[in-house]
Amino acid sequence: MKQRSRKIKGRRLSKYVRKKILKAFPHLKARDIIEATEGQNGPDLILSKVAKKLVPFNWELKNQQRMVTVYKWFAQASKNTKETPVIVCKMNSREPLAIISFDSFVDLIK
């Protein structure tokens, strides 16, 4: 994949996440959540002070094909259930991580 295509793919995810957060918190203005420029150090979404109080998270966004295994696990957790699927995964010498769908996450933080 060309570098330009990678940037576009990453930008698409940034726009998606920003739009969902703004929709979940309608009193936030567009200027409260800014997409970081390519190569900028720090979080991928820059939040204003007001936004940080409502959504106190550091946003690192990844849009990569290499995560296919996580999506297979999620499909397995989603199979034959109406409950919210959750994946808990752990790597040696690392803390466990919980993975849920982004829509479920937004519902939790509203």
N, C-alpha and C. Protein backbone atom coordinates (compact mmCIF):
# COMPACT_ATOMS: atom_id res chain seq x y z
N MET A 1 0.84 -1.17 0.00
CA MET A 1 0.00 0.00 0.00
C MET A 1 0.89 1.24 0.00
N LYS A 2 0.56 2.19 -0.82
CA LYS A 2 1.34 3.41 -0.92
C LYS A 2 1.14 4.29 0.31
N GLN A 3 2.12 5.12 0.59
CA GLN A 3 2.07 6.00 1.76
C GLN A 3 0.85 6.91 1.70
N ARG A 4 0.53 7.44 0.54
CA ARG A 4 -0.63 8.32 0.40
C ARG A 4 -1.92 7.58 0.76
N SER A 5 -2.03 6.33 0.31
CA SER A 5 -3.22 5.53 0.63
C SER A 5 -3.32 5.27 2.12
N ARG A 6 -2.19 5.04 2.77
CA ARG A 6 -2.17 4.82 4.22
C ARG A 6 -2.68 6.06 4.96
N LYS A 7 -2.23 7.21 4.53
CA LYS A 7 -2.65 8.46 5.16
C LYS A 7 -4.16 8.68 5.00
N ILE A 8 -4.66 8.41 3.81
CA ILE A 8 -6.09 8.57 3.54
C ILE A 8 -6.90 7.60 4.41
N LYS A 9 -6.42 6.36 4.50
CA LYS A 9 -7.10 5.35 5.30
C LYS A 9 -7.15 5.75 6.78
N GLY A 10 -6.05 6.25 7.30
CA GLY A 10 -5.99 6.71 8.68
C GLY A 10 -6.88 7.92 8.91
N ARG A 11 -6.87 8.85 7.96
CA ARG A 11 -7.69 10.05 8.07
C ARG A 11 -9.18 9.70 8.07
N ARG A 12 -9.55 8.70 7.28
CA ARG A 12 -10.94 8.25 7.23
C ARG A 12 -11.41 7.77 8.61
N LEU A 13 -10.56 7.01 9.30
CA LEU A 13 -10.90 6.54 10.64
C LEU A 13 -11.00 7.72 11.63
N SER A 14 -10.08 8.66 11.53
CA SER A 14 -10.12 9.84 12.40
C SER A 14 -11.43 10.60 12.23
N LYS A 15 -11.83 10.80 10.99
CA LYS A 15 -13.08 11.52 10.71
C LYS A 15 -14.28 10.75 11.27
N TYR A 16 -14.28 9.43 11.12
CA TYR A 16 -15.36 8.59 11.62
C TYR A 16 -15.50 8.70 13.14
N VAL A 17 -14.38 8.56 13.85
CA VAL A 17 -14.40 8.61 15.31
C VAL A 17 -14.81 10.00 15.79
N ARG A 18 -14.26 11.03 15.18
CA ARG A 18 -14.60 12.41 15.55
C ARG A 18 -16.10 12.66 15.37
N LYS A 19 -16.63 12.24 14.24
CA LYS A 19 -18.06 12.44 13.94
C LYS A 19 -18.93 11.71 14.97
N LYS A 20 -18.58 10.49 15.33
CA LYS A 20 -19.35 9.71 16.31
C LYS A 20 -19.33 10.37 17.69
N ILE A 21 -18.18 10.88 18.10
CA ILE A 21 -18.08 11.54 19.40
C ILE A 21 -18.91 12.82 19.41
N LEU A 22 -18.80 13.61 18.34
CA LEU A 22 -19.58 14.84 18.26
C LEU A 22 -21.08 14.56 18.26
N LYS A 23 -21.48 13.46 17.63
CA LYS A 23 -22.89 13.09 17.61
C LYS A 23 -23.35 12.64 19.00
N ALA A 24 -22.49 11.93 19.72
CA ALA A 24 -22.84 11.43 21.06
C ALA A 24 -22.93 12.57 22.07
N PHE A 25 -22.17 13.62 21.85
CA PHE A 25 -22.16 14.78 22.74
C PHE A 25 -22.52 16.02 21.93
N PRO A 26 -23.81 16.21 21.64
CA PRO A 26 -24.24 17.28 20.72
C PRO A 26 -23.90 18.69 21.19
N HIS A 27 -23.64 18.88 22.47
CA HIS A 27 -23.30 20.23 22.94
C HIS A 27 -21.84 20.58 22.66
N LEU A 28 -21.02 19.59 22.22
CA LEU A 28 -19.65 19.90 21.80
C LEU A 28 -19.67 20.53 20.42
N LYS A 29 -18.78 21.47 20.20
CA LYS A 29 -18.64 22.12 18.90
C LYS A 29 -17.56 21.39 18.10
N ALA A 30 -17.57 21.58 16.80
CA ALA A 30 -16.58 20.94 15.93
C ALA A 30 -15.16 21.31 16.35
N ARG A 31 -14.97 22.52 16.86
CA ARG A 31 -13.63 22.96 17.25
C ARG A 31 -13.15 22.30 18.55
N ASP A 32 -14.04 21.60 19.26
CA ASP A 32 -13.66 20.92 20.50
C ASP A 32 -12.89 19.62 20.25
N ILE A 33 -13.00 19.08 19.04
CA ILE A 33 -12.27 17.85 18.70
C ILE A 33 -11.60 18.07 17.35
N ILE A 34 -10.28 18.06 17.36
CA ILE A 34 -9.50 18.33 16.15
C ILE A 34 -8.68 17.10 15.81
N GLU A 35 -8.61 16.77 14.54
CA GLU A 35 -7.77 15.67 14.09
C GLU A 35 -6.32 16.13 14.03
N ALA A 36 -5.43 15.35 14.59
CA ALA A 36 -4.01 15.69 14.54
C ALA A 36 -3.50 15.56 13.11
N THR A 37 -2.50 16.34 12.78
CA THR A 37 -1.91 16.24 11.45
C THR A 37 -0.99 15.02 11.39
N GLU A 38 -0.74 14.53 10.21
CA GLU A 38 0.11 13.36 10.01
C GLU A 38 1.50 13.61 10.58
N GLY A 39 1.97 12.68 11.41
CA GLY A 39 3.31 12.77 11.99
C GLY A 39 3.39 13.61 13.25
N GLN A 40 2.29 14.20 13.66
CA GLN A 40 2.27 15.01 14.88
C GLN A 40 2.35 14.10 16.10
N ASN A 41 3.22 14.44 17.05
CA ASN A 41 3.32 13.66 18.28
C ASN A 41 2.10 13.87 19.14
N GLY A 42 1.75 12.84 19.91
CA GLY A 42 0.61 12.94 20.81
C GLY A 42 -0.59 12.19 20.27
N PRO A 43 -1.76 12.47 20.84
CA PRO A 43 -2.98 11.73 20.45
C PRO A 43 -3.41 12.06 19.03
N ASP A 44 -4.17 11.16 18.45
CA ASP A 44 -4.67 11.35 17.08
C ASP A 44 -5.87 12.30 17.04
N LEU A 45 -6.58 12.41 18.15
CA LEU A 45 -7.65 13.40 18.28
C LEU A 45 -7.29 14.33 19.43
N ILE A 46 -7.30 15.62 19.15
CA ILE A 46 -6.94 16.62 20.15
C ILE A 46 -8.24 17.23 20.68
N LEU A 47 -8.44 17.10 21.98
CA LEU A 47 -9.68 17.55 22.61
C LEU A 47 -9.48 18.86 23.37
N SER A 48 -10.49 19.72 23.31
CA SER A 48 -10.48 20.95 24.09
C SER A 48 -10.64 20.59 25.56
N LYS A 49 -10.52 21.59 26.44
CA LYS A 49 -10.70 21.35 27.88
C LYS A 49 -12.09 20.82 28.18
N VAL A 50 -13.09 21.39 27.51
CA VAL A 50 -14.47 20.95 27.72
C VAL A 50 -14.63 19.49 27.27
N ALA A 51 -14.11 19.17 26.10
CA ALA A 51 -14.22 17.81 25.57
C ALA A 51 -13.48 16.81 26.46
N LYS A 52 -12.32 17.22 27.00
CA LYS A 52 -11.55 16.33 27.88
C LYS A 52 -12.32 15.98 29.15
N LYS A 53 -13.13 16.92 29.63
CA LYS A 53 -13.93 16.64 30.82
C LYS A 53 -15.03 15.63 30.52
N LEU A 54 -15.60 15.71 29.32
CA LEU A 54 -16.67 14.79 28.93
C LEU A 54 -16.13 13.44 28.45
N VAL A 55 -15.02 13.49 27.75
CA VAL A 55 -14.44 12.29 27.13
C VAL A 55 -12.96 12.21 27.54
N PRO A 56 -12.67 11.76 28.75
CA PRO A 56 -11.29 11.80 29.25
C PRO A 56 -10.43 10.63 28.75
N PHE A 57 -10.22 10.60 27.45
CA PHE A 57 -9.45 9.51 26.85
C PHE A 57 -8.38 10.06 25.93
N ASN A 58 -7.30 9.32 25.80
CA ASN A 58 -6.23 9.65 24.87
C ASN A 58 -6.44 8.78 23.63
N TRP A 59 -6.71 9.37 22.51
CA TRP A 59 -7.12 8.65 21.31
C TRP A 59 -5.94 8.32 20.41
N GLU A 60 -5.64 7.04 20.29
CA GLU A 60 -4.65 6.53 19.32
C GLU A 60 -5.43 5.65 18.37
N LEU A 61 -5.49 6.03 17.11
CA LEU A 61 -6.32 5.33 16.13
C LEU A 61 -5.47 4.53 15.17
N LYS A 62 -5.86 3.30 14.92
CA LYS A 62 -5.14 2.42 14.00
C LYS A 62 -6.13 1.82 13.01
N ASN A 63 -5.83 1.90 11.74
CA ASN A 63 -6.66 1.32 10.69
C ASN A 63 -5.76 0.41 9.86
N GLN A 64 -5.61 -0.84 10.30
CA GLN A 64 -4.66 -1.76 9.68
C GLN A 64 -5.27 -3.13 9.46
N GLN A 65 -4.84 -3.79 8.43
CA GLN A 65 -5.31 -5.14 8.11
C GLN A 65 -4.72 -6.18 9.06
N ARG A 66 -3.59 -5.88 9.69
CA ARG A 66 -2.92 -6.85 10.55
C ARG A 66 -3.73 -7.28 11.76
N MET A 67 -4.82 -6.63 12.03
CA MET A 67 -5.63 -6.95 13.20
C MET A 67 -6.72 -7.97 12.89
N VAL A 68 -6.57 -8.72 11.85
CA VAL A 68 -7.60 -9.67 11.42
C VAL A 68 -7.95 -10.68 12.52
N THR A 69 -6.96 -11.08 13.32
CA THR A 69 -7.21 -12.05 14.39
C THR A 69 -8.17 -11.47 15.43
N VAL A 70 -8.02 -10.22 15.78
CA VAL A 70 -8.91 -9.58 16.75
C VAL A 70 -10.34 -9.60 16.21
N TYR A 71 -10.51 -9.34 14.93
CA TYR A 71 -11.84 -9.35 14.33
C TYR A 71 -12.43 -10.75 14.27
N LYS A 72 -11.59 -11.76 14.12
CA LYS A 72 -12.07 -13.15 14.18
C LYS A 72 -12.55 -13.47 15.60
N TRP A 73 -11.79 -13.02 16.59
CA TRP A 73 -12.21 -13.22 17.98
C TRP A 73 -13.53 -12.52 18.25
N PHE A 74 -13.68 -11.31 17.72
CA PHE A 74 -14.90 -10.54 17.93
C PHE A 74 -16.10 -11.22 17.28
N ALA A 75 -15.89 -11.78 16.10
CA ALA A 75 -16.97 -12.52 15.43
C ALA A 75 -17.37 -13.73 16.27
N GLN A 76 -16.39 -14.40 16.86
CA GLN A 76 -16.67 -15.55 17.71
C GLN A 76 -17.45 -15.12 18.95
N ALA A 77 -17.06 -14.00 19.56
CA ALA A 77 -17.76 -13.51 20.76
C ALA A 77 -19.17 -13.03 20.43
N SER A 78 -19.38 -12.59 19.20
CA SER A 78 -20.68 -12.06 18.77
C SER A 78 -21.66 -13.15 18.36
N LYS A 79 -21.14 -14.32 18.07
CA LYS A 79 -21.97 -15.40 17.54
C LYS A 79 -23.02 -15.85 18.55
N ASN A 80 -24.25 -15.95 18.09
CA ASN A 80 -25.36 -16.51 18.86
C ASN A 80 -25.63 -15.81 20.20
N THR A 81 -25.51 -14.50 20.22
CA THR A 81 -25.79 -13.78 21.46
C THR A 81 -26.38 -12.41 21.15
N LYS A 82 -27.16 -11.91 22.08
CA LYS A 82 -27.69 -10.55 21.96
C LYS A 82 -26.96 -9.60 22.90
N GLU A 83 -26.14 -10.16 23.80
CA GLU A 83 -25.37 -9.33 24.71
C GLU A 83 -24.21 -8.67 23.96
N THR A 84 -23.66 -7.65 24.59
CA THR A 84 -22.51 -6.95 24.01
C THR A 84 -21.28 -7.85 24.07
N PRO A 85 -20.68 -8.14 22.92
CA PRO A 85 -19.47 -8.97 22.93
C PRO A 85 -18.27 -8.20 23.47
N VAL A 86 -17.46 -8.88 24.26
CA VAL A 86 -16.25 -8.30 24.84
C VAL A 86 -15.12 -9.30 24.65
N ILE A 87 -13.98 -8.81 24.21
CA ILE A 87 -12.79 -9.64 24.12
C ILE A 87 -11.83 -9.16 25.19
N VAL A 88 -11.27 -10.08 25.94
CA VAL A 88 -10.19 -9.75 26.87
C VAL A 88 -8.97 -10.51 26.37
N CYS A 89 -7.93 -9.78 26.04
CA CYS A 89 -6.72 -10.43 25.52
C CYS A 89 -5.52 -9.95 26.33
N LYS A 90 -4.48 -10.78 26.35
CA LYS A 90 -3.30 -10.46 27.13
C LYS A 90 -2.07 -11.01 26.44
N MET A 91 -1.03 -10.23 26.46
CA MET A 91 0.26 -10.65 25.95
C MET A 91 1.17 -10.89 27.15
N ASN A 92 2.14 -11.76 27.03
CA ASN A 92 3.05 -12.02 28.14
C ASN A 92 3.66 -10.72 28.66
N SER A 93 3.70 -10.58 29.96
CA SER A 93 4.29 -9.43 30.64
C SER A 93 3.57 -8.12 30.36
N ARG A 94 2.35 -8.18 29.91
CA ARG A 94 1.56 -6.98 29.63
C ARG A 94 0.22 -7.08 30.35
N GLU A 95 -0.43 -5.93 30.53
CA GLU A 95 -1.73 -5.94 31.19
C GLU A 95 -2.81 -6.41 30.22
N PRO A 96 -3.87 -7.04 30.73
CA PRO A 96 -4.96 -7.47 29.86
C PRO A 96 -5.70 -6.25 29.28
N LEU A 97 -6.20 -6.41 28.07
CA LEU A 97 -6.97 -5.37 27.40
C LEU A 97 -8.37 -5.88 27.15
N ALA A 98 -9.36 -5.01 27.28
CA ALA A 98 -10.74 -5.34 26.94
C ALA A 98 -11.08 -4.64 25.63
N ILE A 99 -11.70 -5.37 24.73
CA ILE A 99 -12.05 -4.82 23.42
C ILE A 99 -13.55 -4.97 23.22
N ILE A 100 -14.20 -3.84 22.90
CA ILE A 100 -15.63 -3.84 22.58
C ILE A 100 -15.81 -3.05 21.29
N SER A 101 -16.98 -3.13 20.70
CA SER A 101 -17.22 -2.36 19.48
C SER A 101 -17.21 -0.87 19.81
N PHE A 102 -16.88 -0.05 18.83
CA PHE A 102 -16.82 1.39 19.06
C PHE A 102 -18.19 1.95 19.41
N ASP A 103 -19.24 1.44 18.78
CA ASP A 103 -20.60 1.90 19.10
C ASP A 103 -20.95 1.59 20.55
N SER A 104 -20.58 0.40 21.03
CA SER A 104 -20.83 0.05 22.43
C SER A 104 -20.03 0.95 23.36
N PHE A 105 -18.82 1.27 22.98
CA PHE A 105 -17.98 2.17 23.77
C PHE A 105 -18.62 3.55 23.88
N VAL A 106 -19.08 4.09 22.74
CA VAL A 106 -19.72 5.41 22.75
C VAL A 106 -20.98 5.39 23.63
N ASP A 107 -21.75 4.31 23.55
CA ASP A 107 -22.93 4.19 24.41
C ASP A 107 -22.54 4.21 25.89
N LEU A 108 -21.43 3.59 26.25
CA LEU A 108 -20.99 3.56 27.64
C LEU A 108 -20.55 4.93 28.15
N ILE A 109 -19.92 5.73 27.31
CA ILE A 109 -19.38 7.01 27.79
C ILE A 109 -20.37 8.16 27.68
N LYS A 110 -21.52 7.94 27.03
CA LYS A 110 -22.51 9.03 26.91
C LYS A 110 -23.02 9.44 28.27
